[in-house]
Amino acid sequence: QVQLVESGGGLVQPGESLKLSCAASRSLFDIDTVGWYRQGPGKQREMVAFTQRYGTNQYADSVKDRFTVSRDNVKSTVYLEMNSLKFEDTAVYLCFATLSGTTYWGQGTQVTVSS
């Protein structure tokens, strides 16, 4: 099992940046895939970005070139750096981790982009 706790959400204006963190309860060396989903108001949950232990990072088209996902295996933390934020990025951002075929979720952190 793995527990995930997100932090770093908040209220920002369009064009600003924000960095989310997700602390895992076990070493990321054990975890195949970690990353982020989001769910905006009235929208379905969508994949934002993820990073694989032995693979490349993947991004949704809507955030490519603006967001960067990274993992620090020593600190057991996953990050999502978000630049040039837009109104449509407003959502609850959820961290996930896939371990031995099971996906675990954090409780989510709210990101609101508003002028």
C-alpha atoms as a PDB file:
ATOM      1  CA  GLN A   1       0.000   0.000   0.000  1.00  0.00           C
ATOM      2  CA  VAL A   2       0.942   3.631  -0.361  1.00  0.00           C
ATOM      3  CA  GLN A   3      -0.583   6.797   1.068  1.00  0.00           C
ATOM      4  CA  LEU A   4      -0.335  10.044  -0.869  1.00  0.00           C
ATOM      5  CA  VAL A   5      -0.664  13.577   0.465  1.00  0.00           C
ATOM      6  CA  GLU A   6      -0.812  16.542  -1.882  1.00  0.00           C
ATOM      7  CA  SER A   7       0.056  20.145  -1.078  1.00  0.00           C
ATOM      8  CA  GLY A   8       0.730  23.427  -2.823  1.00  0.00           C
ATOM      9  CA  GLY A   9      -2.652  24.288  -4.264  1.00  0.00           C
ATOM     10  CA  GLY A  10      -4.094  27.770  -4.064  1.00  0.00           C
ATOM     11  CA  LEU A  11      -5.536  30.777  -5.831  1.00  0.00           C
ATOM     12  CA  VAL A  12      -3.528  32.357  -8.629  1.00  0.00           C
ATOM     13  CA  GLN A  13      -4.109  34.753 -11.499  1.00  0.00           C
ATOM     14  CA  PRO A  14      -3.900  33.760 -15.169  1.00  0.00           C
ATOM     15  CA  GLY A  15      -0.323  33.555 -16.378  1.00  0.00           C
ATOM     16  CA  GLU A  16       1.085  32.809 -12.929  1.00  0.00           C
ATOM     17  CA  SER A  17       2.831  29.658 -11.741  1.00  0.00           C
ATOM     18  CA  LEU A  18       2.249  27.108  -9.012  1.00  0.00           C
ATOM     19  CA  LYS A  19       4.082  23.990  -7.885  1.00  0.00           C
ATOM     20  CA  LEU A  20       2.251  21.025  -6.397  1.00  0.00           C
ATOM     21  CA  SER A  21       3.866  18.353  -4.262  1.00  0.00           C
ATOM     22  CA  CYS A  22       2.746  14.832  -3.456  1.00  0.00           C
ATOM     23  CA  ALA A  23       4.429  13.032  -0.579  1.00  0.00           C
ATOM     24  CA  ALA A  24       4.296   9.227  -0.686  1.00  0.00           C
ATOM     25  CA  SER A  25       4.428   6.958   2.351  1.00  0.00           C
ATOM     26  CA  ARG A  26       6.911   4.600   0.746  1.00  0.00           C
ATOM     27  CA  SER A  27       9.932   4.885  -1.491  1.00  0.00           C
ATOM     28  CA  LEU A  28       9.228   5.831  -5.067  1.00  0.00           C
ATOM     29  CA  PHE A  29      11.869   3.302  -6.073  1.00  0.00           C
ATOM     30  CA  ASP A  30       9.111   0.722  -5.461  1.00  0.00           C
ATOM     31  CA  ILE A  31       6.460   2.486  -7.517  1.00  0.00           C
ATOM     32  CA  ASP A  32       5.996   2.024 -11.253  1.00  0.00           C
ATOM     33  CA  THR A  33       4.040   5.110 -12.236  1.00  0.00           C
ATOM     34  CA  VAL A  34       3.269   8.314 -10.366  1.00  0.00           C
ATOM     35  CA  GLY A  35       1.552  11.421 -11.553  1.00  0.00           C
ATOM     36  CA  TRP A  36      -1.436  13.690 -11.527  1.00  0.00           C
ATOM     37  CA  TYR A  37      -5.057  13.781 -12.581  1.00  0.00           C
ATOM     38  CA  ARG A  38      -7.451  16.671 -12.221  1.00  0.00           C
ATOM     39  CA  GLN A  39     -11.195  17.191 -12.027  1.00  0.00           C
ATOM     40  CA  GLY A  40     -12.631  20.574 -12.874  1.00  0.00           C
ATOM     41  CA  PRO A  41     -16.104  21.781 -11.877  1.00  0.00           C
ATOM     42  CA  GLY A  42     -18.694  19.815 -13.836  1.00  0.00           C
ATOM     43  CA  LYS A  43     -15.997  17.893 -15.705  1.00  0.00           C
ATOM     44  CA  GLN A  44     -14.766  14.336 -15.774  1.00  0.00           C
ATOM     45  CA  ARG A  45     -11.486  13.411 -14.194  1.00  0.00           C
ATOM     46  CA  GLU A  46      -8.645  13.698 -16.700  1.00  0.00           C
ATOM     47  CA  MET A  47      -5.009  12.688 -16.766  1.00  0.00           C
ATOM     48  CA  VAL A  48      -2.626  15.632 -16.513  1.00  0.00           C
ATOM     49  CA  ALA A  49       0.847  14.109 -16.428  1.00  0.00           C
ATOM     50  CA  PHE A  50       2.715  11.076 -15.177  1.00  0.00           C
ATOM     51  CA  THR A  51       6.225   9.743 -14.910  1.00  0.00           C
ATOM     52  CA  GLN A  52       7.285   6.113 -15.072  1.00  0.00           C
ATOM     53  CA  ARG A  53      10.140   4.530 -13.190  1.00  0.00           C
ATOM     54  CA  TYR A  54      11.939   3.441 -16.350  1.00  0.00           C
ATOM     55  CA  GLY A  55      10.154   5.540 -18.936  1.00  0.00           C
ATOM     56  CA  THR A  56       9.559   9.018 -20.173  1.00  0.00           C
ATOM     57  CA  ASN A  57       7.098  11.561 -18.885  1.00  0.00           C
ATOM     58  CA  GLN A  58       3.675  11.872 -20.510  1.00  0.00           C
ATOM     59  CA  TYR A  59       1.408  14.902 -20.634  1.00  0.00           C
ATOM     60  CA  ALA A  60      -2.095  15.797 -21.665  1.00  0.00           C
ATOM     61  CA  ASP A  61      -2.108  17.928 -24.797  1.00  0.00           C
ATOM     62  CA  SER A  62      -3.774  20.744 -22.866  1.00  0.00           C
ATOM     63  CA  VAL A  63      -0.805  21.148 -20.517  1.00  0.00           C
ATOM     64  CA  LYS A  64       2.120  20.179 -22.720  1.00  0.00           C
ATOM     65  CA  ASP A  65       4.868  22.830 -22.738  1.00  0.00           C
ATOM     66  CA  ARG A  66       3.342  24.479 -19.634  1.00  0.00           C
ATOM     67  CA  PHE A  67       3.469  21.774 -16.959  1.00  0.00           C
ATOM     68  CA  THR A  68       6.383  19.621 -15.835  1.00  0.00           C
ATOM     69  CA  VAL A  69       6.080  16.442 -13.776  1.00  0.00           C
ATOM     70  CA  SER A  70       9.061  15.137 -11.829  1.00  0.00           C
ATOM     71  CA  ARG A  71       9.830  12.649  -9.091  1.00  0.00           C
ATOM     72  CA  ASP A  72      12.390  12.678  -6.309  1.00  0.00           C
ATOM     73  CA  ASN A  73      12.860   9.031  -5.395  1.00  0.00           C
ATOM     74  CA  VAL A  74      14.976   9.863  -2.341  1.00  0.00           C
ATOM     75  CA  LYS A  75      12.393  12.264  -0.886  1.00  0.00           C
ATOM     76  CA  SER A  76       9.500  10.041  -2.048  1.00  0.00           C
ATOM     77  CA  THR A  77       7.838  13.089  -3.553  1.00  0.00           C
ATOM     78  CA  VAL A  78       6.221  13.806  -6.896  1.00  0.00           C
ATOM     79  CA  TYR A  79       5.986  17.344  -8.207  1.00  0.00           C
ATOM     80  CA  LEU A  80       3.873  19.145 -10.753  1.00  0.00           C
ATOM     81  CA  GLU A  81       5.246  22.494 -11.817  1.00  0.00           C
ATOM     82  CA  MET A  82       2.565  24.528 -13.559  1.00  0.00           C
ATOM     83  CA  ASN A  83       3.387  27.625 -15.581  1.00  0.00           C
ATOM     84  CA  SER A  84       1.269  30.019 -17.621  1.00  0.00           C
ATOM     85  CA  LEU A  85      -1.846  28.942 -15.789  1.00  0.00           C
ATOM     86  CA  LYS A  86      -5.192  29.447 -17.496  1.00  0.00           C
ATOM     87  CA  PHE A  87      -8.769  29.724 -16.229  1.00  0.00           C
ATOM     88  CA  GLU A  88      -9.446  26.230 -17.551  1.00  0.00           C
ATOM     89  CA  ASP A  89      -6.727  24.782 -15.315  1.00  0.00           C
ATOM     90  CA  THR A  90      -9.003  25.350 -12.326  1.00  0.00           C
ATOM     91  CA  ALA A  91      -9.589  21.938 -10.765  1.00  0.00           C
ATOM     92  CA  VAL A  92      -8.903  19.620  -7.892  1.00  0.00           C
ATOM     93  CA  TYR A  93      -5.549  18.023  -8.626  1.00  0.00           C
ATOM     94  CA  LEU A  94      -5.118  14.451  -7.459  1.00  0.00           C
ATOM     95  CA  CYS A  95      -1.874  12.569  -7.138  1.00  0.00           C
ATOM     96  CA  PHE A  96      -1.833   8.891  -8.047  1.00  0.00           C
ATOM     97  CA  ALA A  97       0.598   6.013  -7.795  1.00  0.00           C
ATOM     98  CA  THR A  98       0.454   2.606  -9.445  1.00  0.00           C
ATOM     99  CA  LEU A  99       2.073  -0.243  -7.550  1.00  0.00           C
ATOM    100  CA  SER A 100       1.842  -3.874  -8.633  1.00  0.00           C
ATOM    101  CA  GLY A 101      -1.245  -3.172 -10.697  1.00  0.00           C
ATOM    102  CA  THR A 102      -3.117  -1.231  -8.015  1.00  0.00           C
ATOM    103  CA  THR A 103      -3.686   2.508  -8.249  1.00  0.00           C
ATOM    104  CA  TYR A 104      -3.709   4.641  -5.126  1.00  0.00           C
ATOM    105  CA  TRP A 105      -5.027   8.202  -4.865  1.00  0.00           C
ATOM    106  CA  GLY A 106      -4.407  11.231  -2.726  1.00  0.00           C
ATOM    107  CA  GLN A 107      -7.206  13.387  -1.362  1.00  0.00           C
ATOM    108  CA  GLY A 108      -6.570  16.206  -3.830  1.00  0.00           C
ATOM    109  CA  THR A 109      -5.554  19.857  -3.666  1.00  0.00           C
ATOM    110  CA  GLN A 110      -7.566  22.728  -5.114  1.00  0.00           C
ATOM    111  CA  VAL A 111      -6.071  24.972  -7.774  1.00  0.00           C
ATOM    112  CA  THR A 112      -8.114  28.017  -8.718  1.00  0.00           C
ATOM    113  CA  VAL A 113      -7.112  30.352 -11.535  1.00  0.00           C
ATOM    114  CA  SER A 114      -9.047  33.582 -11.329  1.00  0.00           C
ATOM    115  CA  SER A 115      -8.553  37.275 -11.974  1.00  0.00           C
END
